[in-house]
């Protein structure tokens, strides 16, 4: 199992989030649910060990097919958030990065550090030409991460999706391969 340190000052690691961690993932989703459900239905789909395992298995299957992946962020041994590729298209060399965190994982720079590692892996190791980020226009924390890692706002899809009975505008952010390779945001540590 690989682990990437995400902080020089905190005991935080990025590791694959695999199906055998279903109970730990469920406990984390229980802590994160109120935080996440304002913008995405990710946590509301994970309500018991079987559904937690199914969510993680779906991403394991995507990783095996090279179409997506999911990674957890552990702080002092506790799962507090994660980063993922909900979409990874090797033919067109585009991918999407998504994130989530429970309150204990916010405001520490861990999500941004995890995103930097996923962009580095996608661009430098896998040859992706475009890395995308989608978020609700009302999600200031998500927008801040996209800006922090050097993404640019491509546009806003007005009233794009409904969640919890509310129509949301969807912001589309991206960074291109050469922009990333020229960026000072690249992680110093190797991604392997």
Foldseek 3Di string as FASTA:
>chain_A
DDWDQLDPVFRKTKFFDALVCLVLQLVLLVLFVVVPQVWDCVSVQNHDSVSSSVVRVVQVVCVVVVFKGWIFMDTPRHTFKTKMWPGQDLVQLETEMDIGGGPVPPPPCRRLSRVLLVLCCSCVVRNRFKYKYKTFPVPPVSVVSLVVLPKDWPDWQFQPDDGPRDRTIMIMIMDGNVNNVPDPSHDPDDSD
